[in-house]
Amino acid sequence: MCGLFAQCSCRDEYFEAAGIAPEELPFDAEPLGRYNVALGTRVMLLSQHEEQLHFEPVFWGYKSDWWHKAMLINAR
């Protein structure tokens, strides 16, 4: 398991697929359009909190709070 995925569409395509107008959602300004999104970077996540959709950056990885060494790059 390498932990990589693609987030290659632009925000407007994600908004259109969700059926919402871009100005309706708060979102981070970090650009999308990345292939092979690496662990330890931020990805954009569409989520719902209290009846409102949010397009927000989240940490992509699997480092636990108790792990104080360098982040693992592969699950073993």
PDB file of N, CA and C in Angstrom:
ATOM      1  N   MET A   1       0.848  -1.171   0.000  1.00  0.00           N
ATOM      2  CA  MET A   1       0.000   0.000   0.000  1.00  0.00           C
ATOM      3  C   MET A   1       0.892   1.232   0.000  1.00  0.00           C
ATOM      4  N   CYS A   2       0.827   2.010  -1.038  1.00  0.00           N
ATOM      5  CA  CYS A   2       1.713   3.164  -1.134  1.00  0.00           C
ATOM      6  C   CYS A   2       1.082   4.426  -0.566  1.00  0.00           C
ATOM      7  N   GLY A   3      -0.230   4.500  -0.459  1.00  0.00           N
ATOM      8  CA  GLY A   3      -0.877   5.675   0.102  1.00  0.00           C
ATOM      9  C   GLY A   3      -1.025   6.822  -0.862  1.00  0.00           C
ATOM     10  N   LEU A   4      -0.791   6.601  -2.143  1.00  0.00           N
ATOM     11  CA  LEU A   4      -0.913   7.665  -3.130  1.00  0.00           C
ATOM     12  C   LEU A   4      -2.263   7.603  -3.829  1.00  0.00           C
ATOM     13  N   PHE A   5      -2.755   8.765  -4.221  1.00  0.00           N
ATOM     14  CA  PHE A   5      -3.950   8.841  -5.052  1.00  0.00           C
ATOM     15  C   PHE A   5      -3.868  10.128  -5.857  1.00  0.00           C
ATOM     16  N   ALA A   6      -4.780  10.310  -6.789  1.00  0.00           N
ATOM     17  CA  ALA A   6      -4.787  11.506  -7.635  1.00  0.00           C
ATOM     18  C   ALA A   6      -5.953  12.402  -7.247  1.00  0.00           C
ATOM     19  N   GLN A   7      -5.695  13.692  -7.221  1.00  0.00           N
ATOM     20  CA  GLN A   7      -6.746  14.690  -7.055  1.00  0.00           C
ATOM     21  C   GLN A   7      -6.502  15.687  -8.180  1.00  0.00           C
ATOM     22  N   CYS A   8      -6.866  15.255  -9.389  1.00  0.00           N
ATOM     23  CA  CYS A   8      -6.402  15.949 -10.583  1.00  0.00           C
ATOM     24  C   CYS A   8      -7.404  16.919 -11.189  1.00  0.00           C
ATOM     25  N   SER A   9      -8.641  16.918 -10.760  1.00  0.00           N
ATOM     26  CA  SER A   9      -9.618  17.861 -11.302  1.00  0.00           C
ATOM     27  C   SER A   9      -9.480  19.202 -10.598  1.00  0.00           C
ATOM     28  N   CYS A  10      -9.959  20.247 -11.255  1.00  0.00           N
ATOM     29  CA  CYS A  10      -9.935  21.559 -10.608  1.00  0.00           C
ATOM     30  C   CYS A  10     -11.133  21.669  -9.665  1.00  0.00           C
ATOM     31  N   ARG A  11     -11.108  22.643  -8.785  1.00  0.00           N
ATOM     32  CA  ARG A  11     -12.186  22.820  -7.810  1.00  0.00           C
ATOM     33  C   ARG A  11     -13.549  22.941  -8.472  1.00  0.00           C
ATOM     34  N   ASP A  12     -13.611  23.712  -9.569  1.00  0.00           N
ATOM     35  CA  ASP A  12     -14.895  23.929 -10.230  1.00  0.00           C
ATOM     36  C   ASP A  12     -15.524  22.616 -10.684  1.00  0.00           C
ATOM     37  N   GLU A  13     -14.714  21.654 -11.125  1.00  0.00           N
ATOM     38  CA  GLU A  13     -15.253  20.358 -11.537  1.00  0.00           C
ATOM     39  C   GLU A  13     -15.804  19.597 -10.336  1.00  0.00           C
ATOM     40  N   TYR A  14     -15.141  19.681  -9.194  1.00  0.00           N
ATOM     41  CA  TYR A  14     -15.659  19.039  -7.984  1.00  0.00           C
ATOM     42  C   TYR A  14     -16.954  19.719  -7.534  1.00  0.00           C
ATOM     43  N   PHE A  15     -16.991  21.051  -7.580  1.00  0.00           N
ATOM     44  CA  PHE A  15     -18.206  21.778  -7.212  1.00  0.00           C
ATOM     45  C   PHE A  15     -19.360  21.397  -8.137  1.00  0.00           C
ATOM     46  N   GLU A  16     -19.086  21.342  -9.435  1.00  0.00           N
ATOM     47  CA  GLU A  16     -20.123  20.993 -10.405  1.00  0.00           C
ATOM     48  C   GLU A  16     -20.653  19.576 -10.157  1.00  0.00           C
ATOM     49  N   ALA A  17     -19.756  18.638  -9.886  1.00  0.00           N
ATOM     50  CA  ALA A  17     -20.172  17.257  -9.616  1.00  0.00           C
ATOM     51  C   ALA A  17     -21.044  17.173  -8.363  1.00  0.00           C
ATOM     52  N   ALA A  18     -20.787  18.048  -7.390  1.00  0.00           N
ATOM     53  CA  ALA A  18     -21.574  18.059  -6.157  1.00  0.00           C
ATOM     54  C   ALA A  18     -22.856  18.872  -6.311  1.00  0.00           C
ATOM     55  N   GLY A  19     -22.993  19.590  -7.439  1.00  0.00           N
ATOM     56  CA  GLY A  19     -24.192  20.381  -7.680  1.00  0.00           C
ATOM     57  C   GLY A  19     -24.274  21.643  -6.853  1.00  0.00           C
ATOM     58  N   ILE A  20     -23.135  22.255  -6.576  1.00  0.00           N
ATOM     59  CA  ILE A  20     -23.117  23.472  -5.773  1.00  0.00           C
ATOM     60  C   ILE A  20     -22.302  24.550  -6.473  1.00  0.00           C
ATOM     61  N   ALA A  21     -22.615  25.795  -6.150  1.00  0.00           N
ATOM     62  CA  ALA A  21     -21.879  26.924  -6.711  1.00  0.00           C
ATOM     63  C   ALA A  21     -20.613  27.146  -5.882  1.00  0.00           C
ATOM     64  N   PRO A  22     -19.482  27.449  -6.545  1.00  0.00           N
ATOM     65  CA  PRO A  22     -18.217  27.632  -5.808  1.00  0.00           C
ATOM     66  C   PRO A  22     -18.283  28.676  -4.698  1.00  0.00           C
ATOM     67  N   GLU A  23     -19.054  29.733  -4.902  1.00  0.00           N
ATOM     68  CA  GLU A  23     -19.117  30.782  -3.877  1.00  0.00           C
ATOM     69  C   GLU A  23     -19.900  30.352  -2.637  1.00  0.00           C
ATOM     70  N   GLU A  24     -20.579  29.195  -2.696  1.00  0.00           N
ATOM     71  CA  GLU A  24     -21.345  28.712  -1.550  1.00  0.00           C
ATOM     72  C   GLU A  24     -20.473  28.034  -0.492  1.00  0.00           C
ATOM     73  N   LEU A  25     -19.247  27.661  -0.848  1.00  0.00           N
ATOM     74  CA  LEU A  25     -18.412  26.887   0.072  1.00  0.00           C
ATOM     75  C   LEU A  25     -17.153  27.627   0.475  1.00  0.00           C
ATOM     76  N   PRO A  26     -16.801  27.579   1.756  1.00  0.00           N
ATOM     77  CA  PRO A  26     -15.476  28.061   2.144  1.00  0.00           C
ATOM     78  C   PRO A  26     -14.444  27.036   1.691  1.00  0.00           C
ATOM     79  N   PHE A  27     -13.320  27.490   1.162  1.00  0.00           N
ATOM     80  CA  PHE A  27     -12.281  26.545   0.754  1.00  0.00           C
ATOM     81  C   PHE A  27     -10.915  27.183   0.846  1.00  0.00           C
ATOM     82  N   ASP A  28      -9.918  26.357   0.927  1.00  0.00           N
ATOM     83  CA  ASP A  28      -8.526  26.768   1.017  1.00  0.00           C
ATOM     84  C   ASP A  28      -8.018  27.117  -0.376  1.00  0.00           C
ATOM     85  N   ALA A  29      -7.048  28.011  -0.450  1.00  0.00           N
ATOM     86  CA  ALA A  29      -6.550  28.465  -1.747  1.00  0.00           C
ATOM     87  C   ALA A  29      -5.458  27.586  -2.348  1.00  0.00           C
ATOM     88  N   GLU A  30      -5.046  26.516  -1.671  1.00  0.00           N
ATOM     89  CA  GLU A  30      -3.999  25.648  -2.220  1.00  0.00           C
ATOM     90  C   GLU A  30      -4.490  25.011  -3.516  1.00  0.00           C
ATOM     91  N   PRO A  31      -3.690  25.083  -4.594  1.00  0.00           N
ATOM     92  CA  PRO A  31      -4.162  24.562  -5.877  1.00  0.00           C
ATOM     93  C   PRO A  31      -4.315  23.051  -5.890  1.00  0.00           C
ATOM     94  N   LEU A  32      -5.259  22.596  -6.721  1.00  0.00           N
ATOM     95  CA  LEU A  32      -5.440  21.170  -6.948  1.00  0.00           C
ATOM     96  C   LEU A  32      -4.716  20.813  -8.234  1.00  0.00           C
ATOM     97  N   GLY A  33      -5.089  19.714  -8.855  1.00  0.00           N
ATOM     98  CA  GLY A  33      -4.472  19.325 -10.113  1.00  0.00           C
ATOM     99  C   GLY A  33      -3.191  18.548  -9.896  1.00  0.00           C
ATOM    100  N   ARG A  34      -3.183  17.685  -8.889  1.00  0.00           N
ATOM    101  CA  ARG A  34      -1.977  16.916  -8.594  1.00  0.00           C
ATOM    102  C   ARG A  34      -2.239  15.435  -8.834  1.00  0.00           C
ATOM    103  N   TYR A  35      -1.289  14.800  -9.462  1.00  0.00           N
ATOM    104  CA  TYR A  35      -1.327  13.350  -9.605  1.00  0.00           C
ATOM    105  C   TYR A  35      -0.369  12.779  -8.567  1.00  0.00           C
ATOM    106  N   ASN A  36      -0.642  11.588  -8.084  1.00  0.00           N
ATOM    107  CA  ASN A  36       0.193  10.946  -7.068  1.00  0.00           C
ATOM    108  C   ASN A  36       0.376  11.843  -5.845  1.00  0.00           C
ATOM    109  N   VAL A  37      -0.733  12.182  -5.232  1.00  0.00           N
ATOM    110  CA  VAL A  37      -0.704  12.988  -4.013  1.00  0.00           C
ATOM    111  C   VAL A  37       0.072  12.211  -2.955  1.00  0.00           C
ATOM    112  N   ALA A  38       1.131  12.790  -2.473  1.00  0.00           N
ATOM    113  CA  ALA A  38       2.027  12.089  -1.550  1.00  0.00           C
ATOM    114  C   ALA A  38       1.570  12.220  -0.101  1.00  0.00           C
ATOM    115  N   LEU A  39       1.971  11.258   0.703  1.00  0.00           N
ATOM    116  CA  LEU A  39       1.721  11.323   2.139  1.00  0.00           C
ATOM    117  C   LEU A  39       2.405  12.548   2.728  1.00  0.00           C
ATOM    118  N   GLY A  40       1.799  13.119   3.738  1.00  0.00           N
ATOM    119  CA  GLY A  40       2.384  14.275   4.396  1.00  0.00           C
ATOM    120  C   GLY A  40       2.009  15.593   3.755  1.00  0.00           C
ATOM    121  N   THR A  41       1.159  15.571   2.733  1.00  0.00           N
ATOM    122  CA  THR A  41       0.696  16.802   2.103  1.00  0.00           C
ATOM    123  C   THR A  41      -0.773  17.011   2.446  1.00  0.00           C
ATOM    124  N   ARG A  42      -1.305  18.148   2.030  1.00  0.00           N
ATOM    125  CA  ARG A  42      -2.717  18.422   2.266  1.00  0.00           C
ATOM    126  C   ARG A  42      -3.512  18.079   1.011  1.00  0.00           C
ATOM    127  N   VAL A  43      -4.709  17.571   1.221  1.00  0.00           N
ATOM    128  CA  VAL A  43      -5.641  17.303   0.130  1.00  0.00           C
ATOM    129  C   VAL A  43      -6.943  18.012   0.468  1.00  0.00           C
ATOM    130  N   MET A  44      -7.756  18.244  -0.535  1.00  0.00           N
ATOM    131  CA  MET A  44      -9.033  18.896  -0.317  1.00  0.00           C
ATOM    132  C   MET A  44     -10.108  17.847  -0.085  1.00  0.00           C
ATOM    133  N   LEU A  45     -10.882  18.034   0.957  1.00  0.00           N
ATOM    134  CA  LEU A  45     -11.920  17.090   1.346  1.00  0.00           C
ATOM    135  C   LEU A  45     -13.260  17.810   1.369  1.00  0.00           C
ATOM    136  N   LEU A  46     -14.243  17.222   0.714  1.00  0.00           N
ATOM    137  CA  LEU A  46     -15.599  17.751   0.762  1.00  0.00           C
ATOM    138  C   LEU A  46     -16.312  17.041   1.904  1.00  0.00           C
ATOM    139  N   SER A  47     -16.741  17.802   2.894  1.00  0.00           N
ATOM    140  CA  SER A  47     -17.391  17.210   4.059  1.00  0.00           C
ATOM    141  C   SER A  47     -18.599  18.051   4.456  1.00  0.00           C
ATOM    142  N   GLN A  48     -19.408  17.507   5.327  1.00  0.00           N
ATOM    143  CA  GLN A  48     -20.589  18.215   5.802  1.00  0.00           C
ATOM    144  C   GLN A  48     -20.532  18.339   7.313  1.00  0.00           C
ATOM    145  N   HIS A  49     -20.683  19.572   7.797  1.00  0.00           N
ATOM    146  CA  HIS A  49     -20.713  19.861   9.231  1.00  0.00           C
ATOM    147  C   HIS A  49     -21.950  20.707   9.509  1.00  0.00           C
ATOM    148  N   GLU A  50     -22.788  20.249  10.405  1.00  0.00           N
ATOM    149  CA  GLU A  50     -23.979  21.007  10.804  1.00  0.00           C
ATOM    150  C   GLU A  50     -24.778  21.500   9.602  1.00  0.00           C
ATOM    151  N   GLU A  51     -25.104  20.581   8.711  1.00  0.00           N
ATOM    152  CA  GLU A  51     -25.950  20.858   7.541  1.00  0.00           C
ATOM    153  C   GLU A  51     -25.296  21.752   6.487  1.00  0.00           C
ATOM    154  N   GLN A  52     -24.014  22.055   6.597  1.00  0.00           N
ATOM    155  CA  GLN A  52     -23.337  22.874   5.598  1.00  0.00           C
ATOM    156  C   GLN A  52     -22.149  22.112   5.035  1.00  0.00           C
ATOM    157  N   LEU A  53     -21.989  22.203   3.701  1.00  0.00           N
ATOM    158  CA  LEU A  53     -20.845  21.571   3.056  1.00  0.00           C
ATOM    159  C   LEU A  53     -19.613  22.443   3.213  1.00  0.00           C
ATOM    160  N   HIS A  54     -18.469  21.801   3.381  1.00  0.00           N
ATOM    161  CA  HIS A  54     -17.188  22.497   3.474  1.00  0.00           C
ATOM    162  C   HIS A  54     -16.205  21.798   2.551  1.00  0.00           C
ATOM    163  N   PHE A  55     -15.395  22.580   1.868  1.00  0.00           N
ATOM    164  CA  PHE A  55     -14.326  22.073   1.021  1.00  0.00           C
ATOM    165  C   PHE A  55     -13.054  22.511   1.713  1.00  0.00           C
ATOM    166  N   GLU A  56     -12.418  21.592   2.448  1.00  0.00           N
ATOM    167  CA  GLU A  56     -11.346  22.003   3.342  1.00  0.00           C
ATOM    168  C   GLU A  56     -10.096  21.138   3.192  1.00  0.00           C
ATOM    169  N   PRO A  57      -8.943  21.715   3.511  1.00  0.00           N
ATOM    170  CA  PRO A  57      -7.702  20.943   3.435  1.00  0.00           C
ATOM    171  C   PRO A  57      -7.571  20.016   4.641  1.00  0.00           C
ATOM    172  N   VAL A  58      -7.121  18.804   4.393  1.00  0.00           N
ATOM    173  CA  VAL A  58      -6.848  17.851   5.469  1.00  0.00           C
ATOM    174  C   VAL A  58      -5.477  17.232   5.231  1.00  0.00           C
ATOM    175  N   PHE A  59      -4.863  16.771   6.291  1.00  0.00           N
ATOM    176  CA  PHE A  59      -3.563  16.109   6.208  1.00  0.00           C
ATOM    177  C   PHE A  59      -3.758  14.714   5.638  1.00  0.00           C
ATOM    178  N   TRP A  60      -3.001  14.349   4.606  1.00  0.00           N
ATOM    179  CA  TRP A  60      -3.075  13.025   4.007  1.00  0.00           C
ATOM    180  C   TRP A  60      -1.907  12.213   4.531  1.00  0.00           C
ATOM    181  N   GLY A  61      -2.203  11.240   5.352  1.00  0.00           N
ATOM    182  CA  GLY A  61      -1.167  10.393   5.916  1.00  0.00           C
ATOM    183  C   GLY A  61      -1.740   9.532   7.015  1.00  0.00           C
ATOM    184  N   TYR A  62      -0.900   8.756   7.622  1.00  0.00           N
ATOM    185  CA  TYR A  62      -1.367   7.891   8.697  1.00  0.00           C
ATOM    186  C   TYR A  62      -0.417   7.916   9.879  1.00  0.00           C
ATOM    187  N   LYS A  63       0.091   9.071  10.192  1.00  0.00           N
ATOM    188  CA  LYS A  63       0.962   9.226  11.352  1.00  0.00           C
ATOM    189  C   LYS A  63       0.091   9.446  12.589  1.00  0.00           C
ATOM    190  N   SER A  64       0.255   8.624  13.565  1.00  0.00           N
ATOM    191  CA  SER A  64      -0.511   8.739  14.806  1.00  0.00           C
ATOM    192  C   SER A  64       0.050   9.853  15.680  1.00  0.00           C
ATOM    193  N   ASP A  65      -0.785  10.379  16.560  1.00  0.00           N
ATOM    194  CA  ASP A  65      -0.351  11.437  17.475  1.00  0.00           C
ATOM    195  C   ASP A  65       0.779  10.980  18.382  1.00  0.00           C
ATOM    196  N   TRP A  66       0.799   9.689  18.718  1.00  0.00           N
ATOM    197  CA  TRP A  66       1.812   9.174  19.635  1.00  0.00           C
ATOM    198  C   TRP A  66       3.125   8.847  18.934  1.00  0.00           C
ATOM    199  N   TRP A  67       3.180   8.889  17.604  1.00  0.00           N
ATOM    200  CA  TRP A  67       4.389   8.547  16.855  1.00  0.00           C
ATOM    201  C   TRP A  67       5.260   9.790  16.724  1.00  0.00           C
ATOM    202  N   HIS A  68       6.466   9.775  17.295  1.00  0.00           N
ATOM    203  CA  HIS A  68       7.315  10.963  17.294  1.00  0.00           C
ATOM    204  C   HIS A  68       8.524  10.836  16.374  1.00  0.00           C
ATOM    205  N   LYS A  69       8.605   9.767  15.629  1.00  0.00           N
ATOM    206  CA  LYS A  69       9.692   9.589  14.666  1.00  0.00           C
ATOM    207  C   LYS A  69       9.253  10.133  13.313  1.00  0.00           C
ATOM    208  N   ALA A  70      10.148  10.049  12.336  1.00  0.00           N
ATOM    209  CA  ALA A  70       9.802  10.489  10.985  1.00  0.00           C
ATOM    210  C   ALA A  70       8.614   9.683  10.465  1.00  0.00           C
ATOM    211  N   MET A  71       7.804  10.328   9.611  1.00  0.00           N
ATOM    212  CA  MET A  71       6.623   9.669   9.091  1.00  0.00           C
ATOM    213  C   MET A  71       6.996   8.492   8.199  1.00  0.00           C
ATOM    214  N   LEU A  72       6.268   7.409   8.346  1.00  0.00           N
ATOM    215  CA  LEU A  72       6.488   6.243   7.496  1.00  0.00           C
ATOM    216  C   LEU A  72       6.008   6.539   6.083  1.00  0.00           C
ATOM    217  N   ILE A  73       6.703   5.993   5.082  1.00  0.00           N
ATOM    218  CA  ILE A  73       6.272   6.226   3.707  1.00  0.00           C
ATOM    219  C   ILE A  73       5.512   5.045   3.140  1.00  0.00           C
ATOM    220  N   ASN A  74       5.576   3.908   3.782  1.00  0.00           N
ATOM    221  CA  ASN A  74       4.847   2.722   3.335  1.00  0.00           C
ATOM    222  C   ASN A  74       4.318   1.966   4.544  1.00  0.00           C
ATOM    223  N   ALA A  75       3.121   1.407   4.392  1.00  0.00           N
ATOM    224  CA  ALA A  75       2.582   0.550   5.452  1.00  0.00           C
ATOM    225  C   ALA A  75       3.258  -0.803   5.347  1.00  0.00           C
ATOM    226  N   ARG A  76       3.598  -1.389   6.449  1.00  0.00           N
ATOM    227  CA  ARG A  76       4.266  -2.685   6.432  1.00  0.00           C
ATOM    228  C   ARG A  76       3.530  -3.652   7.323  1.00  0.00           C
TER     229      ARG A  76
END
